[in-house]
C-alpha atoms as a PDB file:
ATOM      1  CA  MET A   1       0.532 -15.624 -12.180  1.00  0.00           C
ATOM      2  CA  THR A   2       1.627 -18.737 -13.119  1.00  0.00           C
ATOM      3  CA  GLU A   3       2.663 -21.649 -10.984  1.00  0.00           C
ATOM      4  CA  ASN A   4       6.859 -20.854 -11.182  1.00  0.00           C
ATOM      5  CA  SER A   5       6.220 -17.230 -10.017  1.00  0.00           C
ATOM      6  CA  LYS A   6       3.960 -18.269  -6.973  1.00  0.00           C
ATOM      7  CA  PRO A   7       5.739 -17.866  -3.280  1.00  0.00           C
ATOM      8  CA  PRO A   8       7.228 -20.594  -2.108  1.00  0.00           C
ATOM      9  CA  SER A   9       4.089 -21.141  -0.032  1.00  0.00           C
ATOM     10  CA  GLY A  10       2.220 -21.638  -2.422  1.00  0.00           C
ATOM     11  CA  ASP A  11       0.225 -18.931  -1.745  1.00  0.00           C
ATOM     12  CA  SER A  12       0.686 -15.588  -3.014  1.00  0.00           C
ATOM     13  CA  LEU A  13      -1.074 -12.529  -0.991  1.00  0.00           C
ATOM     14  CA  VAL A  14      -1.102 -10.081  -3.494  1.00  0.00           C
ATOM     15  CA  GLY A  15      -3.939  -7.873  -3.643  1.00  0.00           C
ATOM     16  CA  ARG A  16      -4.309  -8.401   0.111  1.00  0.00           C
ATOM     17  CA  MET A  17      -3.326  -6.646   3.674  1.00  0.00           C
ATOM     18  CA  ILE A  18      -0.668  -7.196   5.871  1.00  0.00           C
ATOM     19  CA  ILE A  19      -0.585  -5.729   8.947  1.00  0.00           C
ATOM     20  CA  ALA A  20       2.335  -4.907  11.763  1.00  0.00           C
ATOM     21  CA  MET A  21       2.398  -6.652  15.002  1.00  0.00           C
ATOM     22  CA  PRO A  22       3.904  -5.121  17.754  1.00  0.00           C
ATOM     23  CA  ASN A  23       6.720  -7.087  17.793  1.00  0.00           C
ATOM     24  CA  ILE A  24       8.072  -6.337  14.338  1.00  0.00           C
ATOM     25  CA  GLY A  25      11.025  -4.954  15.573  1.00  0.00           C
ATOM     26  CA  ASP A  26      11.696  -1.788  12.626  1.00  0.00           C
ATOM     27  CA  PRO A  27      10.522   1.401  13.713  1.00  0.00           C
ATOM     28  CA  ARG A  28       9.508   2.319   9.987  1.00  0.00           C
ATOM     29  CA  PHE A  29       6.777  -0.187  10.027  1.00  0.00           C
ATOM     30  CA  GLU A  30       5.416  -0.079  13.415  1.00  0.00           C
ATOM     31  CA  ARG A  31       1.721  -0.216  13.371  1.00  0.00           C
ATOM     32  CA  THR A  32       1.576  -0.127   9.823  1.00  0.00           C
ATOM     33  CA  VAL A  33      -0.742  -1.805   6.932  1.00  0.00           C
ATOM     34  CA  ILE A  34       0.219  -2.243   3.931  1.00  0.00           C
ATOM     35  CA  TYR A  35      -1.068  -3.245   0.025  1.00  0.00           C
ATOM     36  CA  LEU A  36       0.112  -5.789  -1.283  1.00  0.00           C
ATOM     37  CA  PHE A  37       0.583  -5.274  -4.745  1.00  0.00           C
ATOM     38  CA  ALA A  38       3.563  -8.100  -6.404  1.00  0.00           C
ATOM     39  CA  HIS A  39       4.296 -11.453  -4.224  1.00  0.00           C
ATOM     40  CA  GLN A  40       6.193 -13.931  -6.394  1.00  0.00           C
ATOM     41  CA  LEU A  41       8.945 -15.955  -5.505  1.00  0.00           C
ATOM     42  CA  ASP A  42      11.728 -13.523  -5.969  1.00  0.00           C
ATOM     43  CA  GLY A  43      10.180 -11.123  -3.389  1.00  0.00           C
ATOM     44  CA  ALA A  44       7.142  -9.254  -2.795  1.00  0.00           C
ATOM     45  CA  MET A  45       6.511  -5.852  -2.949  1.00  0.00           C
ATOM     46  CA  GLY A  46       3.491  -3.106  -1.464  1.00  0.00           C
ATOM     47  CA  LEU A  47       2.569   0.418  -0.569  1.00  0.00           C
ATOM     48  CA  ILE A  48       2.200   1.557   3.539  1.00  0.00           C
ATOM     49  CA  VAL A  49      -1.452   3.138   3.373  1.00  0.00           C
ATOM     50  CA  ASN A  50      -1.352   4.857   6.486  1.00  0.00           C
ATOM     51  CA  ARG A  51       1.844   7.000   6.872  1.00  0.00           C
ATOM     52  CA  PRO A  52       1.445  10.040   5.795  1.00  0.00           C
ATOM     53  CA  THR A  53       4.411  12.176   4.759  1.00  0.00           C
ATOM     54  CA  ASP A  54       5.278  15.613   6.416  1.00  0.00           C
ATOM     55  CA  ASP A  55       3.492  18.150   4.638  1.00  0.00           C
ATOM     56  CA  LEU A  56       3.036  17.008   1.841  1.00  0.00           C
ATOM     57  CA  HIS A  57       0.107  17.020  -0.555  1.00  0.00           C
ATOM     58  CA  PHE A  58      -1.175  16.671  -4.182  1.00  0.00           C
ATOM     59  CA  SER A  59      -1.200  20.413  -4.980  1.00  0.00           C
ATOM     60  CA  ASP A  60       2.770  20.436  -4.075  1.00  0.00           C
ATOM     61  CA  LEU A  61       3.323  17.397  -6.260  1.00  0.00           C
ATOM     62  CA  LEU A  62       1.609  19.059  -9.114  1.00  0.00           C
ATOM     63  CA  ASP A  63       3.460  22.401  -8.258  1.00  0.00           C
ATOM     64  CA  GLN A  64       6.949  19.849  -8.793  1.00  0.00           C
ATOM     65  CA  LEU A  65       6.124  19.003 -11.964  1.00  0.00           C
ATOM     66  CA  GLU A  66       4.383  22.455 -13.578  1.00  0.00           C
ATOM     67  CA  LEU A  67       1.009  20.804 -14.008  1.00  0.00           C
ATOM     68  CA  GLU A  68      -2.300  23.003 -13.634  1.00  0.00           C
ATOM     69  CA  ALA A  69      -4.535  21.547 -11.442  1.00  0.00           C
ATOM     70  CA  ASN A  70      -8.892  21.620 -11.843  1.00  0.00           C
ATOM     71  CA  GLU A  71     -10.354  23.657  -9.699  1.00  0.00           C
ATOM     72  CA  ASP A  72     -11.715  20.441  -8.313  1.00  0.00           C
ATOM     73  CA  THR A  73      -9.144  18.320  -7.690  1.00  0.00           C
ATOM     74  CA  ASN A  74      -8.622  16.562  -4.662  1.00  0.00           C
ATOM     75  CA  GLU A  75      -5.893  17.693  -1.855  1.00  0.00           C
ATOM     76  CA  THR A  76      -4.680  14.507  -0.778  1.00  0.00           C
ATOM     77  CA  GLN A  77      -2.120  14.117   1.234  1.00  0.00           C
ATOM     78  CA  ILE A  78       1.084  11.819  -0.405  1.00  0.00           C
ATOM     79  CA  ARG A  79       1.814   8.840   1.722  1.00  0.00           C
ATOM     80  CA  PHE A  80       5.011   7.467   2.583  1.00  0.00           C
ATOM     81  CA  GLY A  81       4.982   3.995   0.551  1.00  0.00           C
ATOM     82  CA  GLY A  82       7.478   2.686   2.293  1.00  0.00           C
ATOM     83  CA  PRO A  83      11.993   2.734   2.471  1.00  0.00           C
ATOM     84  CA  VAL A  84      12.441   1.954  -1.071  1.00  0.00           C
ATOM     85  CA  GLU A  85      13.100   4.173  -3.866  1.00  0.00           C
ATOM     86  CA  VAL A  86      11.063   6.986  -1.581  1.00  0.00           C
ATOM     87  CA  GLY A  87      11.630   9.357  -5.065  1.00  0.00           C
ATOM     88  CA  ARG A  88       9.660   7.311  -6.726  1.00  0.00           C
ATOM     89  CA  GLY A  89       5.725   7.807  -6.746  1.00  0.00           C
ATOM     90  CA  PHE A  90       3.115   5.066  -6.959  1.00  0.00           C
ATOM     91  CA  VAL A  91      -0.598   5.605  -7.786  1.00  0.00           C
ATOM     92  CA  LEU A  92      -2.625   3.405  -6.024  1.00  0.00           C
ATOM     93  CA  HIS A  93      -6.177   3.194  -7.230  1.00  0.00           C
ATOM     94  CA  SER A  94      -9.824   1.582  -8.007  1.00  0.00           C
ATOM     95  CA  ALA A  95      -9.830  -0.548 -10.965  1.00  0.00           C
ATOM     96  CA  ASP A  96     -11.774   2.101 -13.103  1.00  0.00           C
ATOM     97  CA  TYR A  97      -8.535   3.631 -14.613  1.00  0.00           C
ATOM     98  CA  HIS A  98      -6.988   1.743 -17.138  1.00  0.00           C
ATOM     99  CA  ARG A  99      -4.270   3.206 -19.223  1.00  0.00           C
ATOM    100  CA  ALA A 100      -2.332  -0.037 -21.675  1.00  0.00           C
ATOM    101  CA  ASP A 101       1.102  -0.212 -21.116  1.00  0.00           C
ATOM    102  CA  GLU A 102       0.970   1.940 -17.951  1.00  0.00           C
ATOM    103  CA  THR A 103      -1.240   0.330 -15.608  1.00  0.00           C
ATOM    104  CA  LEU A 104      -0.813  -2.796 -13.632  1.00  0.00           C
ATOM    105  CA  ARG A 105      -4.004  -4.220 -12.715  1.00  0.00           C
ATOM    106  CA  VAL A 106      -3.388  -6.088  -9.140  1.00  0.00           C
ATOM    107  CA  ASP A 107      -6.821  -7.729  -9.115  1.00  0.00           C
ATOM    108  CA  ASP A 108     -10.600  -7.017 -10.066  1.00  0.00           C
ATOM    109  CA  GLN A 109     -10.507  -4.236  -7.452  1.00  0.00           C
ATOM    110  CA  MET A 110      -7.148  -2.242  -7.484  1.00  0.00           C
ATOM    111  CA  SER A 111      -4.355  -1.458  -9.977  1.00  0.00           C
ATOM    112  CA  MET A 112      -0.930   0.439 -10.118  1.00  0.00           C
ATOM    113  CA  THR A 113      -0.150   3.401 -12.369  1.00  0.00           C
ATOM    114  CA  THR A 114       3.366   5.209 -11.692  1.00  0.00           C
ATOM    115  CA  THR A 115       3.292   7.100 -15.080  1.00  0.00           C
ATOM    116  CA  VAL A 116       2.841  11.323 -14.846  1.00  0.00           C
ATOM    117  CA  ASP A 117      -0.143  11.072 -17.451  1.00  0.00           C
ATOM    118  CA  ILE A 118      -2.408   9.146 -14.535  1.00  0.00           C
ATOM    119  CA  LEU A 119      -1.325  12.461 -12.206  1.00  0.00           C
ATOM    120  CA  LYS A 120      -2.741  14.890 -15.516  1.00  0.00           C
ATOM    121  CA  ALA A 121      -5.883  12.924 -15.542  1.00  0.00           C
ATOM    122  CA  MET A 122      -6.873  13.213 -11.288  1.00  0.00           C
ATOM    123  CA  ALA A 123      -5.335  16.999 -11.990  1.00  0.00           C
ATOM    124  CA  ASP A 124      -7.900  17.198 -14.743  1.00  0.00           C
ATOM    125  CA  GLY A 125     -10.632  16.314 -12.630  1.00  0.00           C
ATOM    126  CA  GLY A 126     -10.677  12.809 -14.462  1.00  0.00           C
ATOM    127  CA  GLY A 127      -8.160   9.793 -13.012  1.00  0.00           C
ATOM    128  CA  PRO A 128      -9.789   6.710 -11.172  1.00  0.00           C
ATOM    129  CA  GLN A 129     -12.844   7.265  -8.617  1.00  0.00           C
ATOM    130  CA  LYS A 130     -10.054   5.988  -5.303  1.00  0.00           C
ATOM    131  CA  ALA A 131      -6.533   7.138  -5.478  1.00  0.00           C
ATOM    132  CA  LEU A 132      -3.513   6.662  -2.701  1.00  0.00           C
ATOM    133  CA  LEU A 133      -0.061   8.749  -4.225  1.00  0.00           C
ATOM    134  CA  ALA A 134       3.093   7.149  -2.435  1.00  0.00           C
ATOM    135  CA  LEU A 135       6.162   7.842  -2.663  1.00  0.00           C
ATOM    136  CA  GLY A 136       8.810   5.100  -1.593  1.00  0.00           C
ATOM    137  CA  TYR A 137       7.374   1.413  -1.555  1.00  0.00           C
ATOM    138  CA  ALA A 138       8.085  -1.490   1.131  1.00  0.00           C
ATOM    139  CA  GLY A 139      10.042  -4.459  -0.400  1.00  0.00           C
ATOM    140  CA  TRP A 140      11.203  -7.718   0.796  1.00  0.00           C
ATOM    141  CA  GLY A 141      13.754  -9.856  -1.058  1.00  0.00           C
ATOM    142  CA  PRO A 142      13.262 -13.777  -2.059  1.00  0.00           C
ATOM    143  CA  GLY A 143      10.885 -15.681   1.305  1.00  0.00           C
ATOM    144  CA  GLN A 144      11.831 -12.757   3.312  1.00  0.00           C
ATOM    145  CA  LEU A 145       7.991 -11.900   3.803  1.00  0.00           C
ATOM    146  CA  GLU A 146       7.178 -15.421   4.609  1.00  0.00           C
ATOM    147  CA  ARG A 147       9.906 -15.855   7.177  1.00  0.00           C
ATOM    148  CA  GLU A 148       8.482 -12.206   8.708  1.00  0.00           C
ATOM    149  CA  ILE A 149       4.631 -13.648   8.776  1.00  0.00           C
ATOM    150  CA  LEU A 150       5.812 -17.017  10.764  1.00  0.00           C
ATOM    151  CA  GLU A 151       8.223 -15.235  13.339  1.00  0.00           C
ATOM    152  CA  ASN A 152       4.542 -12.986  14.057  1.00  0.00           C
ATOM    153  CA  GLY A 153       6.040 -10.199  11.974  1.00  0.00           C
ATOM    154  CA  TRP A 154       2.783  -9.969   9.998  1.00  0.00           C
ATOM    155  CA  LEU A 155      -0.765 -11.241  10.177  1.00  0.00           C
ATOM    156  CA  HIS A 156      -2.907 -11.102   6.668  1.00  0.00           C
ATOM    157  CA  CYS A 157      -6.655  -9.898   5.792  1.00  0.00           C
ATOM    158  CA  GLU A 158      -8.715  -8.930   2.427  1.00  0.00           C
ATOM    159  CA  VAL A 159      -8.008  -5.694   1.099  1.00  0.00           C
ATOM    160  CA  ASP A 160     -10.626  -2.936   1.971  1.00  0.00           C
ATOM    161  CA  GLN A 161     -10.923  -0.215   0.023  1.00  0.00           C
ATOM    162  CA  GLU A 162     -12.574   1.690   3.061  1.00  0.00           C
ATOM    163  CA  ILE A 163      -9.436   1.139   4.951  1.00  0.00           C
ATOM    164  CA  VAL A 164      -6.280   1.990   1.847  1.00  0.00           C
ATOM    165  CA  PHE A 165      -8.106   5.182   0.355  1.00  0.00           C
ATOM    166  CA  ASP A 166      -9.497   6.836   3.309  1.00  0.00           C
ATOM    167  CA  ASP A 167      -7.908  10.154   4.938  1.00  0.00           C
ATOM    168  CA  ASP A 168      -8.429   8.939   8.903  1.00  0.00           C
ATOM    169  CA  ASP A 169      -4.778   6.979   8.743  1.00  0.00           C
ATOM    170  CA  GLU A 170      -4.564   7.000  12.627  1.00  0.00           C
ATOM    171  CA  THR A 171      -7.249   4.731  12.968  1.00  0.00           C
ATOM    172  CA  LYS A 172      -6.459   2.004   9.517  1.00  0.00           C
ATOM    173  CA  TRP A 173      -4.165  -0.198  11.807  1.00  0.00           C
ATOM    174  CA  ALA A 174      -6.874  -1.063  14.742  1.00  0.00           C
ATOM    175  CA  ARG A 175      -9.720  -1.610  12.085  1.00  0.00           C
ATOM    176  CA  ALA A 176      -7.713  -3.899   9.443  1.00  0.00           C
ATOM    177  CA  LEU A 177      -7.000  -5.467  12.868  1.00  0.00           C
ATOM    178  CA  ALA A 178     -10.772  -5.658  13.646  1.00  0.00           C
ATOM    179  CA  LYS A 179     -11.148  -6.946  10.120  1.00  0.00           C
ATOM    180  CA  ILE A 180      -9.541 -10.000  11.139  1.00  0.00           C
ATOM    181  CA  GLY A 181     -11.748 -10.215  14.873  1.00  0.00           C
ATOM    182  CA  VAL A 182      -8.332  -9.189  16.294  1.00  0.00           C
ATOM    183  CA  ASN A 183      -8.461  -6.737  19.208  1.00  0.00           C
ATOM    184  CA  PRO A 184      -5.258  -4.245  19.128  1.00  0.00           C
ATOM    185  CA  SER A 185      -5.208  -3.834  23.450  1.00  0.00           C
ATOM    186  CA  ALA A 186      -4.927  -7.529  22.915  1.00  0.00           C
ATOM    187  CA  LEU A 187      -1.861  -7.371  21.359  1.00  0.00           C
ATOM    188  CA  SER A 188       1.851  -8.311  23.025  1.00  0.00           C
ATOM    189  CA  PRO A 189       4.727  -6.776  21.760  1.00  0.00           C
ATOM    190  CA  THR A 190       6.340  -9.599  22.310  1.00  0.00           C
ATOM    191  CA  ALA A 191       6.390 -12.930  20.648  1.00  0.00           C
ATOM    192  CA  GLY A 192       5.681 -16.455  21.979  1.00  0.00           C
ATOM    193  CA  SER A 193       5.063 -20.404  21.194  1.00  0.00           C
ATOM    194  CA  ALA A 194       3.135 -22.639  23.367  1.00  0.00           C
END
């Protein structure tokens, strides 16, 4: 990332998780944990990692794409990645899988691939060791995420692959808060200032 592409604060949150505070004010993001894969002057993009879709699984996606699944294929539930472009699929995965010109390496731990080739590799029993499949993404315009953070809408922390990739969506929000020493029961749904 070049100096000119960093957000106004100078601190990019790429590769970090943001955690919705109780006063987020948007039910689509209530109690969400989002992995940020882009954060530049022109905005930010991320995937909600703890909001499953209603009964849509990897096998359903393979059926829609007319791809055959290997008998060892993981029956992963698809996540709602965010309210933008909900028909577009994303695979957030461990950095052990990489395809030139197809995979965005976010950092040393995580990568993103949006082509059908990764789904084929996963269906054949290959692909990355860890993966999260999502439809749609969360997006912010220039300076919007920074404002929301200053207004106490989000906290942020280092990425934890266990939180991102495991299937226990119900506890991800509380576990992400615990990573930074915050007890969810101590949070107030109203913002204030001292």
